[in-house]
Amino acid sequence: MATVRSPLSGAIVPLEDVPDDVFAQGILGAGIAVRPTHGDAVAPVDGRIAKLFPGGHAFVVETADGVQVLVHLGIDTVRLRGRGFTVRAAEGQRVRTGHPIVRVDVATLAGEGIELVSPVLLISGHAVTPLATGRVRAGDPLLEVRPPDS
């Protein structure tokens, strides 16, 4: 079993409470969300940045065991085309848990009326058990990963 660490500091939001049906219904995968209060989005696991979306609004880190973790920073942030995000890593780069991936300008995004809740999903089909409630800091245990059949 593996542990996914929180990529952000903030408040835990159950996935079903995310104001986007694709995320809330678990269509992309199981997980949880964090409403960030500030700072950097960091690697939630050791692995390789398998995908870094243009502008930095989302990224996927894949472990050596094939666990793929999607971090989507805010809701409908693709329309910003990178405004409010500073990319600090590169697609294909190997990272350790806690490595800064994207700086999020929370104040700018909030000022533009962006919903900041950020889903953290296992898109590789693995099952998860939430490990956090309330508030987390980046790097705190967030999800326990289980094989897809469990």
N, C-alpha and C. Protein backbone atom coordinates (compact mmCIF):
# COMPACT_ATOMS: atom_id res chain seq x y z
N MET A 1 0.82 -1.19 0.00
CA MET A 1 0.00 0.00 0.00
C MET A 1 0.87 1.25 0.00
N ALA A 2 0.35 2.28 -0.61
CA ALA A 2 1.07 3.56 -0.69
C ALA A 2 0.23 4.64 -0.04
N THR A 3 0.88 5.72 0.34
CA THR A 3 0.19 6.87 0.91
C THR A 3 0.38 8.06 -0.03
N VAL A 4 -0.73 8.69 -0.37
CA VAL A 4 -0.70 9.94 -1.12
C VAL A 4 -0.71 11.06 -0.09
N ARG A 5 0.23 11.97 -0.22
CA ARG A 5 0.34 13.12 0.69
C ARG A 5 -0.38 14.31 0.09
N SER A 6 -0.82 15.21 0.94
CA SER A 6 -1.53 16.38 0.44
C SER A 6 -0.61 17.26 -0.39
N PRO A 7 -1.05 17.63 -1.59
CA PRO A 7 -0.24 18.51 -2.42
C PRO A 7 -0.39 19.99 -2.03
N LEU A 8 -1.34 20.27 -1.14
CA LEU A 8 -1.67 21.65 -0.78
C LEU A 8 -1.95 21.77 0.71
N SER A 9 -1.84 22.97 1.23
CA SER A 9 -2.29 23.27 2.59
C SER A 9 -3.69 23.87 2.49
N GLY A 10 -4.59 23.41 3.37
CA GLY A 10 -5.94 23.96 3.34
C GLY A 10 -6.93 23.05 4.03
N ALA A 11 -8.19 23.22 3.68
CA ALA A 11 -9.30 22.48 4.28
C ALA A 11 -9.70 21.30 3.39
N ILE A 12 -9.95 20.17 4.02
CA ILE A 12 -10.42 18.97 3.30
C ILE A 12 -11.87 19.17 2.88
N VAL A 13 -12.16 18.77 1.64
CA VAL A 13 -13.52 18.81 1.10
C VAL A 13 -13.81 17.42 0.54
N PRO A 14 -14.88 16.75 1.01
CA PRO A 14 -15.22 15.45 0.42
C PRO A 14 -15.46 15.59 -1.08
N LEU A 15 -15.04 14.59 -1.83
CA LEU A 15 -15.14 14.65 -3.28
C LEU A 15 -16.57 14.93 -3.74
N GLU A 16 -17.55 14.33 -3.07
CA GLU A 16 -18.95 14.54 -3.49
C GLU A 16 -19.42 15.97 -3.29
N ASP A 17 -18.67 16.78 -2.54
CA ASP A 17 -19.02 18.19 -2.33
C ASP A 17 -18.32 19.14 -3.29
N VAL A 18 -17.50 18.61 -4.20
CA VAL A 18 -16.82 19.44 -5.19
C VAL A 18 -17.87 19.94 -6.19
N PRO A 19 -17.90 21.27 -6.46
CA PRO A 19 -18.94 21.82 -7.34
C PRO A 19 -18.68 21.60 -8.83
N ASP A 20 -18.39 20.37 -9.19
CA ASP A 20 -18.21 19.97 -10.59
C ASP A 20 -18.60 18.51 -10.66
N ASP A 21 -19.61 18.18 -11.47
CA ASP A 21 -20.14 16.82 -11.50
C ASP A 21 -19.11 15.76 -11.88
N VAL A 22 -18.20 16.06 -12.79
CA VAL A 22 -17.21 15.08 -13.21
C VAL A 22 -16.35 14.64 -12.03
N PHE A 23 -15.94 15.61 -11.22
CA PHE A 23 -15.14 15.30 -10.03
C PHE A 23 -16.01 14.70 -8.94
N ALA A 24 -17.16 15.34 -8.65
CA ALA A 24 -18.01 14.93 -7.53
C ALA A 24 -18.54 13.50 -7.68
N GLN A 25 -18.78 13.07 -8.90
CA GLN A 25 -19.30 11.72 -9.14
C GLN A 25 -18.19 10.68 -9.26
N GLY A 26 -16.93 11.11 -9.14
CA GLY A 26 -15.82 10.17 -9.22
C GLY A 26 -15.59 9.61 -10.60
N ILE A 27 -16.04 10.31 -11.63
CA ILE A 27 -15.91 9.82 -13.00
C ILE A 27 -14.45 9.65 -13.39
N LEU A 28 -13.58 10.56 -12.95
CA LEU A 28 -12.16 10.48 -13.28
C LEU A 28 -11.37 9.59 -12.33
N GLY A 29 -11.95 9.32 -11.17
CA GLY A 29 -11.26 8.47 -10.20
C GLY A 29 -11.66 8.83 -8.78
N ALA A 30 -11.26 7.96 -7.86
CA ALA A 30 -11.55 8.16 -6.44
C ALA A 30 -10.57 9.15 -5.84
N GLY A 31 -11.00 9.84 -4.80
CA GLY A 31 -10.09 10.77 -4.14
C GLY A 31 -10.77 11.66 -3.15
N ILE A 32 -10.22 12.84 -3.00
CA ILE A 32 -10.66 13.84 -2.03
C ILE A 32 -10.24 15.18 -2.59
N ALA A 33 -10.68 16.27 -1.98
CA ALA A 33 -10.27 17.60 -2.46
C ALA A 33 -9.75 18.43 -1.29
N VAL A 34 -8.96 19.43 -1.64
CA VAL A 34 -8.42 20.38 -0.67
C VAL A 34 -8.75 21.78 -1.16
N ARG A 35 -9.29 22.61 -0.25
CA ARG A 35 -9.50 24.03 -0.57
C ARG A 35 -8.27 24.76 -0.06
N PRO A 36 -7.35 25.15 -0.97
CA PRO A 36 -6.06 25.70 -0.53
C PRO A 36 -6.19 27.08 0.11
N THR A 37 -5.32 27.30 1.07
CA THR A 37 -5.26 28.60 1.73
C THR A 37 -4.12 29.44 1.21
N HIS A 38 -3.08 28.80 0.66
CA HIS A 38 -1.92 29.54 0.15
C HIS A 38 -0.94 28.58 -0.50
N GLY A 39 0.00 29.16 -1.19
CA GLY A 39 1.24 28.51 -1.53
C GLY A 39 1.37 27.59 -2.70
N ASP A 40 2.31 26.69 -2.52
CA ASP A 40 2.72 25.78 -3.57
C ASP A 40 1.88 24.52 -3.61
N ALA A 41 1.68 24.01 -4.83
CA ALA A 41 1.18 22.65 -5.01
C ALA A 41 2.41 21.79 -5.20
N VAL A 42 2.54 20.76 -4.36
CA VAL A 42 3.73 19.92 -4.37
C VAL A 42 3.39 18.50 -4.79
N ALA A 43 4.42 17.74 -5.13
CA ALA A 43 4.23 16.35 -5.53
C ALA A 43 3.63 15.56 -4.37
N PRO A 44 2.53 14.85 -4.62
CA PRO A 44 1.89 14.07 -3.56
C PRO A 44 2.52 12.69 -3.33
N VAL A 45 3.37 12.27 -4.26
CA VAL A 45 4.04 10.97 -4.20
C VAL A 45 5.40 11.10 -4.90
N ASP A 46 6.27 10.13 -4.65
CA ASP A 46 7.51 10.03 -5.41
C ASP A 46 7.16 9.48 -6.79
N GLY A 47 7.75 10.03 -7.83
CA GLY A 47 7.49 9.49 -9.17
C GLY A 47 7.96 10.42 -10.26
N ARG A 48 7.23 10.35 -11.36
CA ARG A 48 7.54 11.13 -12.56
C ARG A 48 6.32 11.96 -12.90
N ILE A 49 6.54 13.21 -13.30
CA ILE A 49 5.42 14.04 -13.75
C ILE A 49 5.00 13.51 -15.12
N ALA A 50 3.94 12.73 -15.12
CA ALA A 50 3.47 12.09 -16.35
C ALA A 50 2.74 13.09 -17.25
N LYS A 51 2.12 14.10 -16.64
CA LYS A 51 1.41 15.12 -17.42
C LYS A 51 1.42 16.41 -16.63
N LEU A 52 1.78 17.49 -17.29
CA LEU A 52 1.68 18.83 -16.73
C LEU A 52 0.87 19.64 -17.72
N PHE A 53 -0.37 19.94 -17.36
CA PHE A 53 -1.27 20.60 -18.29
C PHE A 53 -0.81 22.02 -18.59
N PRO A 54 -1.03 22.48 -19.82
CA PRO A 54 -0.61 23.83 -20.20
C PRO A 54 -1.14 24.87 -19.21
N GLY A 55 -0.27 25.77 -18.79
CA GLY A 55 -0.65 26.82 -17.85
C GLY A 55 -0.51 26.41 -16.40
N GLY A 56 -0.40 25.11 -16.14
CA GLY A 56 -0.17 24.64 -14.78
C GLY A 56 -1.39 24.41 -13.92
N HIS A 57 -2.59 24.39 -14.51
CA HIS A 57 -3.80 24.23 -13.69
C HIS A 57 -4.00 22.79 -13.19
N ALA A 58 -3.24 21.84 -13.71
CA ALA A 58 -3.37 20.44 -13.28
C ALA A 58 -2.10 19.68 -13.65
N PHE A 59 -1.85 18.60 -12.88
CA PHE A 59 -0.71 17.74 -13.19
C PHE A 59 -0.98 16.33 -12.67
N VAL A 60 -0.26 15.37 -13.26
CA VAL A 60 -0.34 13.97 -12.86
C VAL A 60 1.06 13.50 -12.51
N VAL A 61 1.19 12.88 -11.32
CA VAL A 61 2.45 12.24 -10.93
C VAL A 61 2.19 10.74 -10.89
N GLU A 62 3.06 9.98 -11.56
CA GLU A 62 2.93 8.52 -11.61
C GLU A 62 4.08 7.89 -10.84
N THR A 63 3.74 6.94 -9.94
CA THR A 63 4.75 6.24 -9.16
C THR A 63 5.36 5.11 -9.99
N ALA A 64 6.43 4.54 -9.49
CA ALA A 64 7.08 3.40 -10.15
C ALA A 64 6.14 2.20 -10.23
N ASP A 65 5.15 2.13 -9.32
CA ASP A 65 4.19 1.03 -9.29
C ASP A 65 2.95 1.29 -10.15
N GLY A 66 2.93 2.41 -10.88
CA GLY A 66 1.81 2.69 -11.77
C GLY A 66 0.65 3.42 -11.14
N VAL A 67 0.79 3.90 -9.91
CA VAL A 67 -0.25 4.71 -9.29
C VAL A 67 -0.17 6.11 -9.90
N GLN A 68 -1.29 6.58 -10.45
CA GLN A 68 -1.33 7.90 -11.09
C GLN A 68 -2.22 8.82 -10.27
N VAL A 69 -1.62 9.93 -9.80
CA VAL A 69 -2.33 10.90 -8.98
C VAL A 69 -2.51 12.19 -9.77
N LEU A 70 -3.78 12.56 -9.99
CA LEU A 70 -4.12 13.82 -10.66
C LEU A 70 -4.40 14.86 -9.60
N VAL A 71 -3.76 16.02 -9.73
CA VAL A 71 -4.05 17.17 -8.88
C VAL A 71 -4.60 18.25 -9.82
N HIS A 72 -5.86 18.65 -9.58
CA HIS A 72 -6.49 19.67 -10.42
C HIS A 72 -6.68 20.91 -9.55
N LEU A 73 -5.99 21.97 -9.88
CA LEU A 73 -5.95 23.18 -9.05
C LEU A 73 -7.12 24.09 -9.37
N GLY A 74 -8.15 24.02 -8.53
CA GLY A 74 -9.36 24.82 -8.72
C GLY A 74 -10.28 24.20 -9.75
N ILE A 75 -11.44 24.82 -9.89
CA ILE A 75 -12.47 24.36 -10.81
C ILE A 75 -12.55 25.35 -11.97
N ASP A 76 -12.60 24.84 -13.18
CA ASP A 76 -12.70 25.64 -14.40
C ASP A 76 -11.52 26.59 -14.56
N THR A 77 -10.35 26.17 -14.07
CA THR A 77 -9.16 27.02 -14.15
C THR A 77 -8.45 26.93 -15.50
N VAL A 78 -8.82 25.98 -16.32
CA VAL A 78 -8.21 25.87 -17.64
C VAL A 78 -8.44 27.15 -18.44
N ARG A 79 -9.56 27.81 -18.20
CA ARG A 79 -9.89 29.03 -18.94
C ARG A 79 -8.95 30.19 -18.64
N LEU A 80 -8.21 30.10 -17.54
CA LEU A 80 -7.28 31.18 -17.17
C LEU A 80 -6.00 31.17 -18.00
N ARG A 81 -5.74 30.05 -18.69
CA ARG A 81 -4.56 29.91 -19.54
C ARG A 81 -3.26 30.27 -18.81
N GLY A 82 -3.18 29.80 -17.56
CA GLY A 82 -1.95 29.97 -16.79
C GLY A 82 -1.94 31.17 -15.86
N ARG A 83 -2.87 32.11 -16.01
CA ARG A 83 -2.91 33.27 -15.12
C ARG A 83 -3.18 32.80 -13.69
N GLY A 84 -2.32 33.21 -12.76
CA GLY A 84 -2.47 32.80 -11.36
C GLY A 84 -1.65 31.58 -11.00
N PHE A 85 -0.95 31.00 -11.97
CA PHE A 85 -0.12 29.81 -11.74
C PHE A 85 1.30 30.06 -12.24
N THR A 86 2.27 29.60 -11.47
CA THR A 86 3.67 29.64 -11.91
C THR A 86 4.20 28.22 -11.88
N VAL A 87 4.50 27.67 -13.04
CA VAL A 87 4.98 26.28 -13.13
C VAL A 87 6.43 26.23 -12.64
N ARG A 88 6.72 25.26 -11.76
CA ARG A 88 8.04 25.14 -11.15
C ARG A 88 8.70 23.79 -11.41
N ALA A 89 8.12 23.02 -12.33
CA ALA A 89 8.66 21.70 -12.68
C ALA A 89 8.36 21.46 -14.16
N ALA A 90 8.77 20.31 -14.66
CA ALA A 90 8.57 20.02 -16.09
C ALA A 90 7.99 18.63 -16.27
N GLU A 91 7.17 18.48 -17.31
CA GLU A 91 6.64 17.17 -17.65
C GLU A 91 7.81 16.21 -17.90
N GLY A 92 7.70 15.01 -17.36
CA GLY A 92 8.75 14.01 -17.50
C GLY A 92 9.77 14.02 -16.37
N GLN A 93 9.77 15.09 -15.59
CA GLN A 93 10.72 15.23 -14.49
C GLN A 93 10.42 14.24 -13.37
N ARG A 94 11.48 13.67 -12.79
CA ARG A 94 11.34 12.82 -11.61
C ARG A 94 11.27 13.73 -10.39
N VAL A 95 10.34 13.42 -9.49
CA VAL A 95 10.13 14.24 -8.31
C VAL A 95 10.00 13.36 -7.07
N ARG A 96 10.32 13.94 -5.95
CA ARG A 96 10.11 13.31 -4.65
C ARG A 96 8.89 13.97 -4.01
N THR A 97 8.23 13.27 -3.13
CA THR A 97 7.10 13.84 -2.41
C THR A 97 7.51 15.18 -1.80
N GLY A 98 6.68 16.19 -2.02
CA GLY A 98 6.94 17.52 -1.48
C GLY A 98 7.65 18.46 -2.43
N HIS A 99 8.11 17.95 -3.59
CA HIS A 99 8.78 18.81 -4.57
C HIS A 99 7.77 19.82 -5.13
N PRO A 100 8.09 21.12 -5.14
CA PRO A 100 7.17 22.11 -5.71
C PRO A 100 6.92 21.86 -7.20
N ILE A 101 5.65 21.84 -7.57
CA ILE A 101 5.26 21.64 -8.97
C ILE A 101 4.70 22.94 -9.55
N VAL A 102 3.73 23.53 -8.86
CA VAL A 102 3.09 24.76 -9.34
C VAL A 102 2.85 25.69 -8.15
N ARG A 103 3.22 26.96 -8.30
CA ARG A 103 2.86 27.96 -7.30
C ARG A 103 1.47 28.48 -7.67
N VAL A 104 0.59 28.53 -6.68
CA VAL A 104 -0.78 28.98 -6.88
C VAL A 104 -0.94 30.34 -6.22
N ASP A 105 -1.36 31.33 -7.00
CA ASP A 105 -1.62 32.66 -6.45
C ASP A 105 -3.08 32.67 -5.99
N VAL A 106 -3.28 32.20 -4.76
CA VAL A 106 -4.63 32.01 -4.22
C VAL A 106 -5.40 33.33 -4.20
N ALA A 107 -4.76 34.42 -3.81
CA ALA A 107 -5.43 35.71 -3.73
C ALA A 107 -5.94 36.17 -5.10
N THR A 108 -5.11 36.03 -6.12
CA THR A 108 -5.52 36.43 -7.47
C THR A 108 -6.70 35.59 -7.95
N LEU A 109 -6.61 34.27 -7.75
CA LEU A 109 -7.69 33.39 -8.21
C LEU A 109 -8.99 33.68 -7.46
N ALA A 110 -8.90 33.86 -6.15
CA ALA A 110 -10.10 34.17 -5.36
C ALA A 110 -10.69 35.50 -5.79
N GLY A 111 -9.83 36.47 -6.09
CA GLY A 111 -10.29 37.78 -6.54
C GLY A 111 -11.02 37.74 -7.87
N GLU A 112 -10.72 36.71 -8.66
CA GLU A 112 -11.39 36.55 -9.95
C GLU A 112 -12.62 35.65 -9.85
N GLY A 113 -12.97 35.28 -8.62
CA GLY A 113 -14.16 34.46 -8.41
C GLY A 113 -13.97 32.99 -8.74
N ILE A 114 -12.73 32.53 -8.81
CA ILE A 114 -12.44 31.13 -9.12
C ILE A 114 -12.73 30.27 -7.91
N GLU A 115 -13.41 29.15 -8.12
CA GLU A 115 -13.61 28.15 -7.06
C GLU A 115 -12.28 27.43 -6.87
N LEU A 116 -11.69 27.57 -5.69
CA LEU A 116 -10.35 27.07 -5.44
C LEU A 116 -10.28 25.60 -5.04
N VAL A 117 -11.40 24.98 -4.71
CA VAL A 117 -11.35 23.58 -4.28
C VAL A 117 -10.62 22.76 -5.34
N SER A 118 -9.67 21.94 -4.86
CA SER A 118 -8.74 21.25 -5.76
C SER A 118 -8.80 19.73 -5.57
N PRO A 119 -9.41 19.00 -6.50
CA PRO A 119 -9.49 17.55 -6.40
C PRO A 119 -8.11 16.88 -6.51
N VAL A 120 -7.93 15.84 -5.71
CA VAL A 120 -6.74 14.99 -5.76
C VAL A 120 -7.27 13.59 -6.00
N LEU A 121 -7.04 13.05 -7.20
CA LEU A 121 -7.69 11.82 -7.64
C LEU A 121 -6.68 10.74 -8.03
N LEU A 122 -7.06 9.49 -7.82
CA LEU A 122 -6.30 8.35 -8.32
C LEU A 122 -6.94 7.97 -9.64
N ILE A 123 -6.28 8.32 -10.75
CA ILE A 123 -6.86 8.08 -12.07
C ILE A 123 -6.41 6.75 -12.66
N SER A 124 -5.65 5.99 -11.88
CA SER A 124 -5.12 4.70 -12.35
C SER A 124 -6.02 3.53 -11.95
N GLY A 125 -7.20 3.82 -11.41
CA GLY A 125 -8.14 2.76 -11.06
C GLY A 125 -7.97 2.21 -9.65
N HIS A 126 -7.02 2.70 -8.90
CA HIS A 126 -6.80 2.23 -7.55
C HIS A 126 -7.91 2.74 -6.62
N ALA A 127 -8.21 1.98 -5.60
CA ALA A 127 -9.15 2.39 -4.58
C ALA A 127 -8.40 3.21 -3.53
N VAL A 128 -9.13 4.03 -2.78
CA VAL A 128 -8.50 4.85 -1.76
C VAL A 128 -9.30 4.85 -0.48
N THR A 129 -8.60 5.11 0.60
CA THR A 129 -9.22 5.36 1.89
C THR A 129 -8.73 6.74 2.34
N PRO A 130 -9.66 7.67 2.58
CA PRO A 130 -9.23 8.99 3.07
C PRO A 130 -8.56 8.87 4.44
N LEU A 131 -7.49 9.64 4.63
CA LEU A 131 -6.76 9.63 5.89
C LEU A 131 -6.87 10.96 6.62
N ALA A 132 -7.43 11.98 5.98
CA ALA A 132 -7.44 13.32 6.56
C ALA A 132 -8.85 13.87 6.65
N THR A 133 -9.06 14.67 7.69
CA THR A 133 -10.28 15.45 7.85
C THR A 133 -9.88 16.82 8.36
N GLY A 134 -10.77 17.76 8.27
CA GLY A 134 -10.47 19.09 8.80
C GLY A 134 -9.50 19.84 7.92
N ARG A 135 -8.32 20.13 8.47
CA ARG A 135 -7.31 20.90 7.76
C ARG A 135 -6.06 20.05 7.58
N VAL A 136 -5.33 20.30 6.50
CA VAL A 136 -4.06 19.63 6.24
C VAL A 136 -3.01 20.67 5.84
N ARG A 137 -1.78 20.26 6.02
CA ARG A 137 -0.66 21.03 5.47
C ARG A 137 -0.09 20.21 4.32
N ALA A 138 0.51 20.88 3.37
CA ALA A 138 1.14 20.16 2.27
C ALA A 138 2.12 19.15 2.85
N GLY A 139 2.01 17.90 2.39
CA GLY A 139 2.87 16.83 2.89
C GLY A 139 2.21 15.93 3.92
N ASP A 140 1.08 16.35 4.48
CA ASP A 140 0.37 15.49 5.44
C ASP A 140 -0.25 14.30 4.70
N PRO A 141 -0.38 13.15 5.38
CA PRO A 141 -1.07 12.00 4.75
C PRO A 141 -2.49 12.38 4.35
N LEU A 142 -2.87 12.01 3.13
CA LEU A 142 -4.18 12.38 2.59
C LEU A 142 -5.02 11.17 2.23
N LEU A 143 -4.43 10.23 1.49
CA LEU A 143 -5.14 9.04 1.01
C LEU A 143 -4.26 7.81 1.13
N GLU A 144 -4.87 6.70 1.51
CA GLU A 144 -4.19 5.41 1.45
C GLU A 144 -4.64 4.72 0.17
N VAL A 145 -3.69 4.26 -0.60
CA VAL A 145 -3.97 3.63 -1.89
C VAL A 145 -4.11 2.13 -1.71
N ARG A 146 -5.15 1.56 -2.32
CA ARG A 146 -5.36 0.11 -2.30
C ARG A 146 -5.40 -0.40 -3.73
N PRO A 147 -5.13 -1.70 -3.93
CA PRO A 147 -5.23 -2.25 -5.29
C PRO A 147 -6.64 -2.04 -5.85
N PRO A 148 -6.75 -1.97 -7.16
CA PRO A 148 -8.05 -1.70 -7.79
C PRO A 148 -9.14 -2.69 -7.40
N ASP A 149 -8.80 -3.91 -7.06
CA ASP A 149 -9.81 -4.93 -6.77
C ASP A 149 -10.32 -4.90 -5.34
N SER A 150 -9.77 -4.05 -4.48
CA SER A 150 -10.15 -4.12 -3.06
C SER A 150 -11.31 -3.23 -2.74
